[in-house]
């Protein structure tokens, strides 16, 4: 296991966070490239990725907190301290899917076309995220 990617004085950079950020970045780049190839506005996909990021973080943290409520009920400030760990993949996926459906309808995009376009990016992000989990132990 390799939980710490780098350490500078009192600043610790965890491998999980690096892999998660790298996975998200590569997923965005792949989706934008595919959007351009498919003739869609890549800026719409970039905006969608931003919404996915926010919804994914909120949903994954919310589901973790609900599942571990006894650990948080006496100290509610820790609910927002997601950097200490505690994210659940399926919570992020559920929230991001809901936000994605909203965004696609709002911008009058073809759901199936966008879903086909971003599916490989989801796999890229998930793969690197799982490698980050593995590195963290």
C-alpha atoms as a PDB file:
ATOM      1  CA  UNK A   1       0.000   0.000   0.000  1.00  0.00           C
ATOM      2  CA  UNK A   2       1.079   3.548  -0.756  1.00  0.00           C
ATOM      3  CA  UNK A   3      -1.337   5.888   1.087  1.00  0.00           C
ATOM      4  CA  UNK A   4       0.888   8.999   1.058  1.00  0.00           C
ATOM      5  CA  UNK A   5       1.828  10.307  -2.372  1.00  0.00           C
ATOM      6  CA  UNK A   6       4.021  13.136  -1.093  1.00  0.00           C
ATOM      7  CA  UNK A   7       4.713  15.034   2.099  1.00  0.00           C
ATOM      8  CA  UNK A   8       5.994  18.598   2.297  1.00  0.00           C
ATOM      9  CA  UNK A   9       6.611  19.794   5.854  1.00  0.00           C
ATOM     10  CA  UNK A  10       3.143  19.623   7.462  1.00  0.00           C
ATOM     11  CA  UNK A  11       1.298  19.099   4.171  1.00  0.00           C
ATOM     12  CA  UNK A  12       0.436  15.532   3.243  1.00  0.00           C
ATOM     13  CA  UNK A  13      -0.831  14.688  -0.226  1.00  0.00           C
ATOM     14  CA  UNK A  14      -2.665  11.362  -0.203  1.00  0.00           C
ATOM     15  CA  UNK A  15      -2.487   8.982  -3.142  1.00  0.00           C
ATOM     16  CA  UNK A  16      -6.255   8.515  -3.121  1.00  0.00           C
ATOM     17  CA  UNK A  17      -6.830  12.233  -3.692  1.00  0.00           C
ATOM     18  CA  UNK A  18      -4.207  12.396  -6.438  1.00  0.00           C
ATOM     19  CA  UNK A  19      -5.693   9.399  -8.239  1.00  0.00           C
ATOM     20  CA  UNK A  20      -9.230  10.735  -7.856  1.00  0.00           C
ATOM     21  CA  UNK A  21      -8.239  14.121  -9.283  1.00  0.00           C
ATOM     22  CA  UNK A  22      -6.255  12.508 -12.091  1.00  0.00           C
ATOM     23  CA  UNK A  23      -9.169  10.223 -12.935  1.00  0.00           C
ATOM     24  CA  UNK A  24     -11.564  13.146 -13.040  1.00  0.00           C
ATOM     25  CA  UNK A  25      -9.220  15.225 -15.195  1.00  0.00           C
ATOM     26  CA  UNK A  26      -8.605  12.424 -17.691  1.00  0.00           C
ATOM     27  CA  UNK A  27     -12.324  11.639 -17.792  1.00  0.00           C
ATOM     28  CA  UNK A  28     -13.139  15.277 -18.607  1.00  0.00           C
ATOM     29  CA  UNK A  29     -10.508  15.427 -21.328  1.00  0.00           C
ATOM     30  CA  UNK A  30     -11.750  12.184 -22.894  1.00  0.00           C
ATOM     31  CA  UNK A  31     -15.387  13.331 -22.801  1.00  0.00           C
ATOM     32  CA  UNK A  32     -14.570  16.713 -24.317  1.00  0.00           C
ATOM     33  CA  UNK A  33     -12.532  15.077 -27.068  1.00  0.00           C
ATOM     34  CA  UNK A  34     -15.357  12.682 -27.833  1.00  0.00           C
ATOM     35  CA  UNK A  35     -17.862  15.555 -27.825  1.00  0.00           C
ATOM     36  CA  UNK A  36     -15.835  17.437 -30.417  1.00  0.00           C
ATOM     37  CA  UNK A  37     -15.570  14.277 -32.521  1.00  0.00           C
ATOM     38  CA  UNK A  38     -19.326  13.755 -32.286  1.00  0.00           C
ATOM     39  CA  UNK A  39     -20.078  17.360 -33.220  1.00  0.00           C
ATOM     40  CA  UNK A  40     -21.332  18.469 -29.797  1.00  0.00           C
ATOM     41  CA  UNK A  41     -20.275  21.619 -27.975  1.00  0.00           C
ATOM     42  CA  UNK A  42     -17.442  20.482 -25.702  1.00  0.00           C
ATOM     43  CA  UNK A  43     -18.150  23.413 -23.359  1.00  0.00           C
ATOM     44  CA  UNK A  44     -21.516  21.844 -22.517  1.00  0.00           C
ATOM     45  CA  UNK A  45     -19.684  18.656 -21.548  1.00  0.00           C
ATOM     46  CA  UNK A  46     -17.188  20.646 -19.471  1.00  0.00           C
ATOM     47  CA  UNK A  47     -20.061  22.340 -17.635  1.00  0.00           C
ATOM     48  CA  UNK A  48     -21.720  18.958 -17.120  1.00  0.00           C
ATOM     49  CA  UNK A  49     -18.459  17.638 -15.652  1.00  0.00           C
ATOM     50  CA  UNK A  50     -18.409  20.498 -13.150  1.00  0.00           C
ATOM     51  CA  UNK A  51     -21.946  19.624 -12.051  1.00  0.00           C
ATOM     52  CA  UNK A  52     -20.940  15.952 -11.842  1.00  0.00           C
ATOM     53  CA  UNK A  53     -18.021  16.862  -9.588  1.00  0.00           C
ATOM     54  CA  UNK A  54     -20.142  18.845  -7.133  1.00  0.00           C
ATOM     55  CA  UNK A  55     -23.019  16.337  -7.148  1.00  0.00           C
ATOM     56  CA  UNK A  56     -20.633  13.403  -6.833  1.00  0.00           C
ATOM     57  CA  UNK A  57     -18.874  14.851  -3.805  1.00  0.00           C
ATOM     58  CA  UNK A  58     -22.108  15.858  -2.096  1.00  0.00           C
ATOM     59  CA  UNK A  59     -23.868  12.579  -2.811  1.00  0.00           C
ATOM     60  CA  UNK A  60     -20.956  10.372  -1.825  1.00  0.00           C
ATOM     61  CA  UNK A  61     -20.469  12.252   1.435  1.00  0.00           C
ATOM     62  CA  UNK A  62     -24.186  12.331   2.237  1.00  0.00           C
ATOM     63  CA  UNK A  63     -24.552   8.582   1.755  1.00  0.00           C
ATOM     64  CA  UNK A  64     -21.477   7.942   3.894  1.00  0.00           C
ATOM     65  CA  UNK A  65     -22.748  10.166   6.703  1.00  0.00           C
ATOM     66  CA  UNK A  66     -26.201   8.543   6.643  1.00  0.00           C
ATOM     67  CA  UNK A  67     -24.614   5.086   6.727  1.00  0.00           C
ATOM     68  CA  UNK A  68     -22.345   6.034   9.645  1.00  0.00           C
ATOM     69  CA  UNK A  69     -24.648   8.421  11.475  1.00  0.00           C
ATOM     70  CA  UNK A  70     -23.572   7.243  14.935  1.00  0.00           C
ATOM     71  CA  UNK A  71     -20.058   8.498  14.195  1.00  0.00           C
ATOM     72  CA  UNK A  72     -21.342  11.998  13.352  1.00  0.00           C
ATOM     73  CA  UNK A  73     -24.398  12.678  15.497  1.00  0.00           C
ATOM     74  CA  UNK A  74     -22.424  14.088  18.421  1.00  0.00           C
ATOM     75  CA  UNK A  75     -20.134  16.253  16.280  1.00  0.00           C
ATOM     76  CA  UNK A  76     -21.995  17.653  13.274  1.00  0.00           C
ATOM     77  CA  UNK A  77     -19.019  19.740  12.157  1.00  0.00           C
ATOM     78  CA  UNK A  78     -17.318  16.519  11.025  1.00  0.00           C
ATOM     79  CA  UNK A  79     -20.091  15.975   8.469  1.00  0.00           C
ATOM     80  CA  UNK A  80     -18.426  18.486   6.136  1.00  0.00           C
ATOM     81  CA  UNK A  81     -14.863  17.248   6.740  1.00  0.00           C
ATOM     82  CA  UNK A  82     -14.790  14.963   3.695  1.00  0.00           C
ATOM     83  CA  UNK A  83     -11.014  15.301   3.379  1.00  0.00           C
ATOM     84  CA  UNK A  84     -10.714  13.036   6.412  1.00  0.00           C
ATOM     85  CA  UNK A  85     -12.230  10.214   4.410  1.00  0.00           C
ATOM     86  CA  UNK A  86     -15.704   8.881   4.076  1.00  0.00           C
ATOM     87  CA  UNK A  87     -17.064   8.928   0.554  1.00  0.00           C
ATOM     88  CA  UNK A  88     -19.372   6.286  -0.912  1.00  0.00           C
ATOM     89  CA  UNK A  89     -19.227   5.619  -4.652  1.00  0.00           C
ATOM     90  CA  UNK A  90     -22.899   4.766  -5.155  1.00  0.00           C
ATOM     91  CA  UNK A  91     -24.049   7.937  -3.403  1.00  0.00           C
ATOM     92  CA  UNK A  92     -21.982  10.039  -5.774  1.00  0.00           C
ATOM     93  CA  UNK A  93     -23.220   8.057  -8.767  1.00  0.00           C
ATOM     94  CA  UNK A  94     -26.869   8.474  -7.777  1.00  0.00           C
ATOM     95  CA  UNK A  95     -26.560  12.226  -7.203  1.00  0.00           C
ATOM     96  CA  UNK A  96     -24.459  12.771 -10.330  1.00  0.00           C
ATOM     97  CA  UNK A  97     -26.954  10.794 -12.428  1.00  0.00           C
ATOM     98  CA  UNK A  98     -29.839  12.921 -11.161  1.00  0.00           C
ATOM     99  CA  UNK A  99     -27.962  16.138 -11.821  1.00  0.00           C
ATOM    100  CA  UNK A 100     -26.924  14.831 -15.241  1.00  0.00           C
ATOM    101  CA  UNK A 101     -30.530  14.120 -16.218  1.00  0.00           C
ATOM    102  CA  UNK A 102     -31.509  17.619 -15.073  1.00  0.00           C
ATOM    103  CA  UNK A 103     -28.639  19.236 -17.012  1.00  0.00           C
ATOM    104  CA  UNK A 104     -29.351  17.285 -20.195  1.00  0.00           C
ATOM    105  CA  UNK A 105     -33.042  18.233 -20.104  1.00  0.00           C
ATOM    106  CA  UNK A 106     -32.243  21.862 -19.262  1.00  0.00           C
ATOM    107  CA  UNK A 107     -29.919  22.160 -22.261  1.00  0.00           C
ATOM    108  CA  UNK A 108     -32.179  20.114 -24.551  1.00  0.00           C
ATOM    109  CA  UNK A 109     -29.522  17.526 -25.310  1.00  0.00           C
ATOM    110  CA  UNK A 110     -30.130  13.974 -26.491  1.00  0.00           C
ATOM    111  CA  UNK A 111     -29.837  11.814 -23.362  1.00  0.00           C
ATOM    112  CA  UNK A 112     -28.721   8.665 -25.172  1.00  0.00           C
ATOM    113  CA  UNK A 113     -26.098  10.515 -27.205  1.00  0.00           C
ATOM    114  CA  UNK A 114     -24.609  12.204 -24.132  1.00  0.00           C
ATOM    115  CA  UNK A 115     -24.735   8.969 -22.123  1.00  0.00           C
ATOM    116  CA  UNK A 116     -22.872   7.120 -24.870  1.00  0.00           C
ATOM    117  CA  UNK A 117     -20.368   9.948 -25.035  1.00  0.00           C
ATOM    118  CA  UNK A 118     -19.547  10.025 -21.307  1.00  0.00           C
ATOM    119  CA  UNK A 119     -19.722   6.286 -20.532  1.00  0.00           C
ATOM    120  CA  UNK A 120     -16.026   5.640 -21.269  1.00  0.00           C
ATOM    121  CA  UNK A 121     -15.119   8.634 -19.095  1.00  0.00           C
ATOM    122  CA  UNK A 122     -17.015   7.156 -16.165  1.00  0.00           C
ATOM    123  CA  UNK A 123     -14.990   3.963 -16.570  1.00  0.00           C
ATOM    124  CA  UNK A 124     -11.724   5.943 -16.674  1.00  0.00           C
ATOM    125  CA  UNK A 125     -12.612   7.869 -13.525  1.00  0.00           C
ATOM    126  CA  UNK A 126     -13.805   4.760 -11.694  1.00  0.00           C
ATOM    127  CA  UNK A 127     -10.655   2.820 -12.602  1.00  0.00           C
ATOM    128  CA  UNK A 128      -8.265   5.478 -11.350  1.00  0.00           C
ATOM    129  CA  UNK A 129     -10.407   6.078  -8.268  1.00  0.00           C
ATOM    130  CA  UNK A 130     -10.299   2.372  -7.380  1.00  0.00           C
ATOM    131  CA  UNK A 131      -6.534   2.354  -7.880  1.00  0.00           C
ATOM    132  CA  UNK A 132      -6.422   5.242  -5.409  1.00  0.00           C
ATOM    133  CA  UNK A 133      -8.476   3.197  -2.934  1.00  0.00           C
ATOM    134  CA  UNK A 134      -6.141   0.268  -3.400  1.00  0.00           C
ATOM    135  CA  UNK A 135      -3.150   2.512  -2.772  1.00  0.00           C
ATOM    136  CA  UNK A 136      -4.729   3.811   0.408  1.00  0.00           C
ATOM    137  CA  UNK A 137      -5.154   0.281   1.698  1.00  0.00           C
END
